[in-house]
Amino acid sequence: MAIIGLIDLRGRFVAYLSRIYMRIVLWISGVKYRVIGIENLDSNSHYIFTSNHESAFDIPLILGGLDFHIVFLAKKELKNIPILGWAMLAGRHIFIDRYNRKKAVISLRKARQSLSSNPRSLIIFPEGTRSKDGKIHQFKKGGLSIALDIGMDLVPLAVCGTGSVIAKNSFTLNKGEVELHIGKPVISKHWKDRSASELADHLRNEVLSMKKSWKESISSTV
């Protein structure tokens, strides 16, 4: 993987392999999944996807469900995990130090430069960590400032049901049905005169709305 990373300097081939791998994971898991709202996206565009974070299963659902070159804005500790860390480095994912504000600011600056010079889509979990109670917590504004700075449109995502498939701090995989809901793009240039905090609240409300619709749909089928 490291050798591929040296050859594939933009990480596109690694991203393609990751999508294939995640689709295999979804198939092997036996978990039924649906992607709703794919018509909201332009396959030729790059987006900053903002999603709630319920479970480790969110990652195969998002990477396998979206046919885009996507990288994560991820905590730097993931770089040290064998295989996963190497794959993320080869795929040109963007790492951030969540515990050192000064270094975090530098990381975000590098992220802006990286996305400008090597366009690809970015996935952010604005809650900062997986939700322990299944609720969608406050969205942090940090990573969202990238969109305002470089003019990338944002797309809210709602992962639904993944917390029942793999709970936090658990390695047990449960059978079930999950859904990935894709909202309509939020045009960043329309938010130039608004704060990143307002943008974070707007995106969270969009995710909450999609999650509510999902809950209502499964309640009506019971």
C-alpha atoms as a PDB file:
ATOM      1  CA  MET A   1       0.000   0.000   0.000  1.00  0.00           C
ATOM      2  CA  ALA A   2       2.848   2.378   0.812  1.00  0.00           C
ATOM      3  CA  ILE A   3       4.450   1.629  -2.575  1.00  0.00           C
ATOM      4  CA  ILE A   4       1.149   2.359  -4.343  1.00  0.00           C
ATOM      5  CA  GLY A   5       1.004   5.634  -2.436  1.00  0.00           C
ATOM      6  CA  LEU A   6       4.385   6.657  -3.841  1.00  0.00           C
ATOM      7  CA  ILE A   7       3.234   5.928  -7.397  1.00  0.00           C
ATOM      8  CA  ASP A   8      -0.328   7.220  -7.020  1.00  0.00           C
ATOM      9  CA  LEU A   9       0.549  10.691  -5.754  1.00  0.00           C
ATOM     10  CA  ARG A  10      -3.038  11.961  -5.859  1.00  0.00           C
ATOM     11  CA  GLY A  11      -4.472   8.915  -4.088  1.00  0.00           C
ATOM     12  CA  ARG A  12      -7.081   8.222  -6.771  1.00  0.00           C
ATOM     13  CA  PHE A  13      -6.273   4.548  -7.302  1.00  0.00           C
ATOM     14  CA  VAL A  14      -6.200   3.936  -3.548  1.00  0.00           C
ATOM     15  CA  ALA A  15      -9.578   5.685  -3.254  1.00  0.00           C
ATOM     16  CA  TYR A  16     -10.970   3.413  -5.976  1.00  0.00           C
ATOM     17  CA  LEU A  17      -9.638   0.314  -4.198  1.00  0.00           C
ATOM     18  CA  SER A  18     -11.140   1.582  -0.938  1.00  0.00           C
ATOM     19  CA  ARG A  19     -14.599   1.889  -2.513  1.00  0.00           C
ATOM     20  CA  ILE A  20     -14.380  -1.644  -3.888  1.00  0.00           C
ATOM     21  CA  TYR A  21     -13.157  -2.979  -0.550  1.00  0.00           C
ATOM     22  CA  MET A  22     -15.922  -1.235   1.409  1.00  0.00           C
ATOM     23  CA  ARG A  23     -18.573  -2.629  -0.940  1.00  0.00           C
ATOM     24  CA  ILE A  24     -17.162  -6.094  -0.323  1.00  0.00           C
ATOM     25  CA  VAL A  25     -17.354  -5.412   3.433  1.00  0.00           C
ATOM     26  CA  LEU A  26     -21.004  -4.379   3.063  1.00  0.00           C
ATOM     27  CA  TRP A  27     -21.764  -7.521   1.069  1.00  0.00           C
ATOM     28  CA  ILE A  28     -19.953  -9.893   3.444  1.00  0.00           C
ATOM     29  CA  SER A  29     -21.552  -8.291   6.507  1.00  0.00           C
ATOM     30  CA  GLY A  30     -25.002  -9.356   5.393  1.00  0.00           C
ATOM     31  CA  VAL A  31     -26.325  -5.971   6.456  1.00  0.00           C
ATOM     32  CA  LYS A  32     -28.931  -4.612   4.058  1.00  0.00           C
ATOM     33  CA  TYR A  33     -28.308  -1.026   3.053  1.00  0.00           C
ATOM     34  CA  ARG A  34     -29.950   1.652   0.956  1.00  0.00           C
ATOM     35  CA  VAL A  35     -28.658   4.970  -0.349  1.00  0.00           C
ATOM     36  CA  ILE A  36     -31.338   7.638  -0.640  1.00  0.00           C
ATOM     37  CA  GLY A  37     -30.930  10.999  -2.373  1.00  0.00           C
ATOM     38  CA  ILE A  38     -28.059  10.153  -4.741  1.00  0.00           C
ATOM     39  CA  GLU A  39     -29.846  12.262  -7.380  1.00  0.00           C
ATOM     40  CA  ASN A  40     -28.902  15.349  -5.339  1.00  0.00           C
ATOM     41  CA  LEU A  41     -25.253  14.957  -6.344  1.00  0.00           C
ATOM     42  CA  ASP A  42     -23.319  15.840  -9.490  1.00  0.00           C
ATOM     43  CA  SER A  43     -20.872  13.019 -10.187  1.00  0.00           C
ATOM     44  CA  ASN A  44     -18.406  15.500 -11.708  1.00  0.00           C
ATOM     45  CA  SER A  45     -18.256  17.719  -8.628  1.00  0.00           C
ATOM     46  CA  HIS A  46     -16.362  17.574  -5.352  1.00  0.00           C
ATOM     47  CA  TYR A  47     -18.106  18.108  -2.044  1.00  0.00           C
ATOM     48  CA  ILE A  48     -17.497  18.382   1.655  1.00  0.00           C
ATOM     49  CA  PHE A  49     -19.801  15.761   3.146  1.00  0.00           C
ATOM     50  CA  THR A  50     -20.885  16.340   6.752  1.00  0.00           C
ATOM     51  CA  SER A  51     -22.351  13.372   8.587  1.00  0.00           C
ATOM     52  CA  ASN A  52     -23.546  12.289  11.991  1.00  0.00           C
ATOM     53  CA  HIS A  53     -21.398   9.529  13.478  1.00  0.00           C
ATOM     54  CA  GLU A  54     -23.098   6.524  15.080  1.00  0.00           C
ATOM     55  CA  SER A  55     -20.758   3.607  14.565  1.00  0.00           C
ATOM     56  CA  ALA A  56     -17.640   2.183  12.945  1.00  0.00           C
ATOM     57  CA  PHE A  57     -20.038   0.879  10.289  1.00  0.00           C
ATOM     58  CA  ASP A  58     -20.570   4.478   9.110  1.00  0.00           C
ATOM     59  CA  ILE A  59     -17.288   4.315   7.208  1.00  0.00           C
ATOM     60  CA  PRO A  60     -18.036   1.345   4.903  1.00  0.00           C
ATOM     61  CA  LEU A  61     -21.568   2.681   4.407  1.00  0.00           C
ATOM     62  CA  ILE A  62     -20.346   6.123   3.290  1.00  0.00           C
ATOM     63  CA  LEU A  63     -17.314   5.023   1.252  1.00  0.00           C
ATOM     64  CA  GLY A  64     -19.187   2.106  -0.305  1.00  0.00           C
ATOM     65  CA  GLY A  65     -22.383   4.047  -0.874  1.00  0.00           C
ATOM     66  CA  LEU A  66     -20.895   7.107  -2.574  1.00  0.00           C
ATOM     67  CA  ASP A  67     -19.087   6.829  -5.910  1.00  0.00           C
ATOM     68  CA  PHE A  68     -16.700   9.707  -5.214  1.00  0.00           C
ATOM     69  CA  HIS A  69     -13.004  10.109  -4.448  1.00  0.00           C
ATOM     70  CA  ILE A  70     -13.436  10.793  -0.737  1.00  0.00           C
ATOM     71  CA  VAL A  71     -10.874  11.442   1.961  1.00  0.00           C
ATOM     72  CA  PHE A  72     -11.441  11.876   5.675  1.00  0.00           C
ATOM     73  CA  LEU A  73     -10.576  14.726   7.978  1.00  0.00           C
ATOM     74  CA  ALA A  74      -9.353  12.277  10.607  1.00  0.00           C
ATOM     75  CA  LYS A  75      -7.715  12.333  14.017  1.00  0.00           C
ATOM     76  CA  LYS A  76      -3.941  11.949  13.711  1.00  0.00           C
ATOM     77  CA  GLU A  77      -3.873   8.882  15.964  1.00  0.00           C
ATOM     78  CA  LEU A  78      -5.262   6.803  13.087  1.00  0.00           C
ATOM     79  CA  LYS A  79      -1.937   7.204  11.258  1.00  0.00           C
ATOM     80  CA  ASN A  80      -0.335   4.898  13.820  1.00  0.00           C
ATOM     81  CA  ILE A  81      -2.700   1.967  13.269  1.00  0.00           C
ATOM     82  CA  PRO A  82      -1.026  -0.740  11.125  1.00  0.00           C
ATOM     83  CA  ILE A  83      -2.553  -1.223   7.661  1.00  0.00           C
ATOM     84  CA  LEU A  84      -5.334   1.327   8.253  1.00  0.00           C
ATOM     85  CA  GLY A  85      -2.834   4.119   8.841  1.00  0.00           C
ATOM     86  CA  TRP A  86      -0.756   3.136   5.829  1.00  0.00           C
ATOM     87  CA  ALA A  87      -3.853   2.957   3.625  1.00  0.00           C
ATOM     88  CA  MET A  88      -5.031   6.382   4.779  1.00  0.00           C
ATOM     89  CA  LEU A  89      -1.622   7.917   4.130  1.00  0.00           C
ATOM     90  CA  ALA A  90      -1.501   6.334   0.660  1.00  0.00           C
ATOM     91  CA  GLY A  91      -5.024   7.615   0.000  1.00  0.00           C
ATOM     92  CA  ARG A  92      -3.962  11.170   0.888  1.00  0.00           C
ATOM     93  CA  HIS A  93      -6.389  11.502   3.788  1.00  0.00           C
ATOM     94  CA  ILE A  94      -6.057  14.622   5.933  1.00  0.00           C
ATOM     95  CA  PHE A  95      -5.093  14.318   9.598  1.00  0.00           C
ATOM     96  CA  ILE A  96      -5.716  16.769  12.411  1.00  0.00           C
ATOM     97  CA  ASP A  97      -4.456  17.054  15.983  1.00  0.00           C
ATOM     98  CA  ARG A  98      -7.661  17.426  17.994  1.00  0.00           C
ATOM     99  CA  TYR A  99      -5.888  18.107  21.289  1.00  0.00           C
ATOM    100  CA  ASN A 100      -3.491  20.862  20.232  1.00  0.00           C
ATOM    101  CA  ARG A 101      -5.320  23.942  18.984  1.00  0.00           C
ATOM    102  CA  LYS A 102      -2.254  25.486  17.348  1.00  0.00           C
ATOM    103  CA  LYS A 103      -1.431  22.298  15.454  1.00  0.00           C
ATOM    104  CA  ALA A 104      -5.105  21.855  14.542  1.00  0.00           C
ATOM    105  CA  VAL A 105      -5.144  25.292  12.909  1.00  0.00           C
ATOM    106  CA  ILE A 106      -2.001  24.393  10.953  1.00  0.00           C
ATOM    107  CA  SER A 107      -3.616  21.096   9.892  1.00  0.00           C
ATOM    108  CA  LEU A 108      -6.714  22.900   8.615  1.00  0.00           C
ATOM    109  CA  ARG A 109      -4.535  25.329   6.663  1.00  0.00           C
ATOM    110  CA  LYS A 110      -2.741  22.391   5.040  1.00  0.00           C
ATOM    111  CA  ALA A 111      -6.105  20.773   4.324  1.00  0.00           C
ATOM    112  CA  ARG A 112      -7.235  23.857   2.406  1.00  0.00           C
ATOM    113  CA  GLN A 113      -4.032  23.848   0.369  1.00  0.00           C
ATOM    114  CA  SER A 114      -4.299  20.114  -0.282  1.00  0.00           C
ATOM    115  CA  LEU A 115      -7.909  20.265  -1.498  1.00  0.00           C
ATOM    116  CA  SER A 116      -7.109  23.251  -3.720  1.00  0.00           C
ATOM    117  CA  SER A 117      -4.105  21.608  -5.383  1.00  0.00           C
ATOM    118  CA  ASN A 118      -5.558  18.076  -5.516  1.00  0.00           C
ATOM    119  CA  PRO A 119      -9.380  18.354  -5.684  1.00  0.00           C
ATOM    120  CA  ARG A 120     -11.348  15.535  -4.085  1.00  0.00           C
ATOM    121  CA  SER A 121     -14.304  15.225  -1.754  1.00  0.00           C
ATOM    122  CA  LEU A 122     -13.909  15.380   2.002  1.00  0.00           C
ATOM    123  CA  ILE A 123     -15.952  13.699   4.721  1.00  0.00           C
ATOM    124  CA  ILE A 124     -16.229  15.353   8.124  1.00  0.00           C
ATOM    125  CA  PHE A 125     -17.932  14.104  11.273  1.00  0.00           C
ATOM    126  CA  PRO A 126     -18.631  17.502  12.888  1.00  0.00           C
ATOM    127  CA  GLU A 127     -19.707  15.972  16.208  1.00  0.00           C
ATOM    128  CA  GLY A 128     -16.042  15.144  16.708  1.00  0.00           C
ATOM    129  CA  THR A 129     -16.572  11.560  17.840  1.00  0.00           C
ATOM    130  CA  ARG A 130     -19.089   8.729  17.703  1.00  0.00           C
ATOM    131  CA  SER A 131     -22.332   9.350  19.545  1.00  0.00           C
ATOM    132  CA  LYS A 132     -22.681   7.178  22.649  1.00  0.00           C
ATOM    133  CA  ASP A 133     -26.443   7.616  22.950  1.00  0.00           C
ATOM    134  CA  GLY A 134     -27.481   7.676  19.287  1.00  0.00           C
ATOM    135  CA  LYS A 135     -28.424  11.348  19.462  1.00  0.00           C
ATOM    136  CA  ILE A 136     -26.979  13.886  17.039  1.00  0.00           C
ATOM    137  CA  HIS A 137     -24.877  16.225  19.138  1.00  0.00           C
ATOM    138  CA  GLN A 138     -23.689  19.755  18.446  1.00  0.00           C
ATOM    139  CA  PHE A 139     -21.698  20.198  15.235  1.00  0.00           C
ATOM    140  CA  LYS A 140     -18.274  21.778  15.676  1.00  0.00           C
ATOM    141  CA  LYS A 141     -17.404  24.543  13.226  1.00  0.00           C
ATOM    142  CA  GLY A 142     -13.650  23.881  12.759  1.00  0.00           C
ATOM    143  CA  GLY A 143     -13.529  21.774   9.612  1.00  0.00           C
ATOM    144  CA  LEU A 144     -16.443  23.620   8.015  1.00  0.00           C
ATOM    145  CA  SER A 145     -14.370  26.773   7.616  1.00  0.00           C
ATOM    146  CA  ILE A 146     -12.497  24.970   4.823  1.00  0.00           C
ATOM    147  CA  ALA A 147     -15.628  25.024   2.672  1.00  0.00           C
ATOM    148  CA  LEU A 148     -16.106  28.754   3.154  1.00  0.00           C
ATOM    149  CA  ASP A 149     -12.445  29.461   2.398  1.00  0.00           C
ATOM    150  CA  ILE A 150     -12.098  27.461  -0.822  1.00  0.00           C
ATOM    151  CA  GLY A 151     -15.695  27.588  -2.046  1.00  0.00           C
ATOM    152  CA  MET A 152     -16.559  23.881  -1.899  1.00  0.00           C
ATOM    153  CA  ASP A 153     -20.242  23.089  -1.540  1.00  0.00           C
ATOM    154  CA  LEU A 154     -21.330  21.024   1.438  1.00  0.00           C
ATOM    155  CA  VAL A 155     -23.664  18.043   1.528  1.00  0.00           C
ATOM    156  CA  PRO A 156     -25.342  16.864   4.743  1.00  0.00           C
ATOM    157  CA  LEU A 157     -25.446  13.090   5.222  1.00  0.00           C
ATOM    158  CA  ALA A 158     -27.497  11.108   7.712  1.00  0.00           C
ATOM    159  CA  VAL A 159     -26.322   7.609   8.578  1.00  0.00           C
ATOM    160  CA  CYS A 160     -29.282   5.711   9.984  1.00  0.00           C
ATOM    161  CA  GLY A 161     -29.301   2.441  11.902  1.00  0.00           C
ATOM    162  CA  THR A 162     -25.557   1.824  11.999  1.00  0.00           C
ATOM    163  CA  GLY A 163     -25.462   2.160  15.794  1.00  0.00           C
ATOM    164  CA  SER A 164     -27.515  -1.041  16.028  1.00  0.00           C
ATOM    165  CA  VAL A 165     -25.135  -2.875  13.705  1.00  0.00           C
ATOM    166  CA  ILE A 166     -21.925  -2.084  15.611  1.00  0.00           C
ATOM    167  CA  ALA A 167     -22.186  -0.274  18.935  1.00  0.00           C
ATOM    168  CA  LYS A 168     -19.392   1.996  20.158  1.00  0.00           C
ATOM    169  CA  ASN A 169     -16.478   0.061  21.743  1.00  0.00           C
ATOM    170  CA  SER A 170     -17.931  -3.195  20.411  1.00  0.00           C
ATOM    171  CA  PHE A 171     -16.606  -5.609  17.798  1.00  0.00           C
ATOM    172  CA  THR A 172     -19.874  -7.521  17.494  1.00  0.00           C
ATOM    173  CA  LEU A 173     -21.565  -7.241  14.102  1.00  0.00           C
ATOM    174  CA  ASN A 174     -25.340  -7.496  14.221  1.00  0.00           C
ATOM    175  CA  LYS A 175     -27.554  -8.095  11.218  1.00  0.00           C
ATOM    176  CA  GLY A 176     -29.928  -5.299  10.348  1.00  0.00           C
ATOM    177  CA  GLU A 177     -30.890  -2.659   7.832  1.00  0.00           C
ATOM    178  CA  VAL A 178     -29.138   0.689   7.467  1.00  0.00           C
ATOM    179  CA  GLU A 179     -29.639   3.714   5.271  1.00  0.00           C
ATOM    180  CA  LEU A 180     -27.497   6.573   4.012  1.00  0.00           C
ATOM    181  CA  HIS A 181     -29.550   9.702   3.346  1.00  0.00           C
ATOM    182  CA  ILE A 182     -28.036  12.401   1.129  1.00  0.00           C
ATOM    183  CA  GLY A 183     -29.301  15.952   1.473  1.00  0.00           C
ATOM    184  CA  LYS A 184     -29.235  18.706  -1.115  1.00  0.00           C
ATOM    185  CA  PRO A 185     -25.932  20.584  -1.482  1.00  0.00           C
ATOM    186  CA  VAL A 186     -25.459  23.713   0.589  1.00  0.00           C
ATOM    187  CA  ILE A 187     -23.890  26.311  -1.711  1.00  0.00           C
ATOM    188  CA  SER A 188     -20.907  27.707   0.183  1.00  0.00           C
ATOM    189  CA  LYS A 189     -20.826  31.058  -1.640  1.00  0.00           C
ATOM    190  CA  HIS A 190     -24.287  31.799  -0.242  1.00  0.00           C
ATOM    191  CA  TRP A 191     -22.774  31.565   3.248  1.00  0.00           C
ATOM    192  CA  LYS A 192     -19.798  33.875   2.725  1.00  0.00           C
ATOM    193  CA  ASP A 193     -21.300  36.548   4.962  1.00  0.00           C
ATOM    194  CA  ARG A 194     -22.428  34.090   7.632  1.00  0.00           C
ATOM    195  CA  SER A 195     -20.396  32.510  10.413  1.00  0.00           C
ATOM    196  CA  ALA A 196     -19.095  28.946  10.468  1.00  0.00           C
ATOM    197  CA  SER A 197     -21.169  28.416  13.630  1.00  0.00           C
ATOM    198  CA  GLU A 198     -24.368  29.298  11.761  1.00  0.00           C
ATOM    199  CA  LEU A 199     -23.359  26.942   8.965  1.00  0.00           C
ATOM    200  CA  ALA A 200     -22.724  24.153  11.481  1.00  0.00           C
ATOM    201  CA  ASP A 201     -26.183  24.636  13.004  1.00  0.00           C
ATOM    202  CA  HIS A 202     -27.822  24.641   9.567  1.00  0.00           C
ATOM    203  CA  LEU A 203     -26.109  21.398   8.529  1.00  0.00           C
ATOM    204  CA  ARG A 204     -27.001  19.738  11.828  1.00  0.00           C
ATOM    205  CA  ASN A 205     -30.654  20.683  11.364  1.00  0.00           C
ATOM    206  CA  GLU A 206     -30.592  19.157   7.874  1.00  0.00           C
ATOM    207  CA  VAL A 207     -29.168  15.909   9.268  1.00  0.00           C
ATOM    208  CA  LEU A 208     -31.716  15.917  12.105  1.00  0.00           C
ATOM    209  CA  SER A 209     -34.522  16.324   9.573  1.00  0.00           C
ATOM    210  CA  MET A 210     -33.328  13.360   7.485  1.00  0.00           C
ATOM    211  CA  LYS A 211     -32.879  11.220  10.584  1.00  0.00           C
ATOM    212  CA  LYS A 212     -36.402  12.118  11.733  1.00  0.00           C
ATOM    213  CA  SER A 213     -37.830  11.107   8.343  1.00  0.00           C
ATOM    214  CA  TRP A 214     -36.032   7.774   8.584  1.00  0.00           C
ATOM    215  CA  LYS A 215     -37.395   7.103  12.080  1.00  0.00           C
ATOM    216  CA  GLU A 216     -40.911   7.927  10.923  1.00  0.00           C
ATOM    217  CA  SER A 217     -40.564   5.609   7.925  1.00  0.00           C
ATOM    218  CA  ILE A 218     -39.481   2.617  10.001  1.00  0.00           C
ATOM    219  CA  SER A 219     -42.170   3.321  12.610  1.00  0.00           C
ATOM    220  CA  SER A 220     -44.851   3.246   9.921  1.00  0.00           C
ATOM    221  CA  THR A 221     -43.728  -0.205   8.753  1.00  0.00           C
ATOM    222  CA  VAL A 222     -43.811  -1.793  12.222  1.00  0.00           C
END
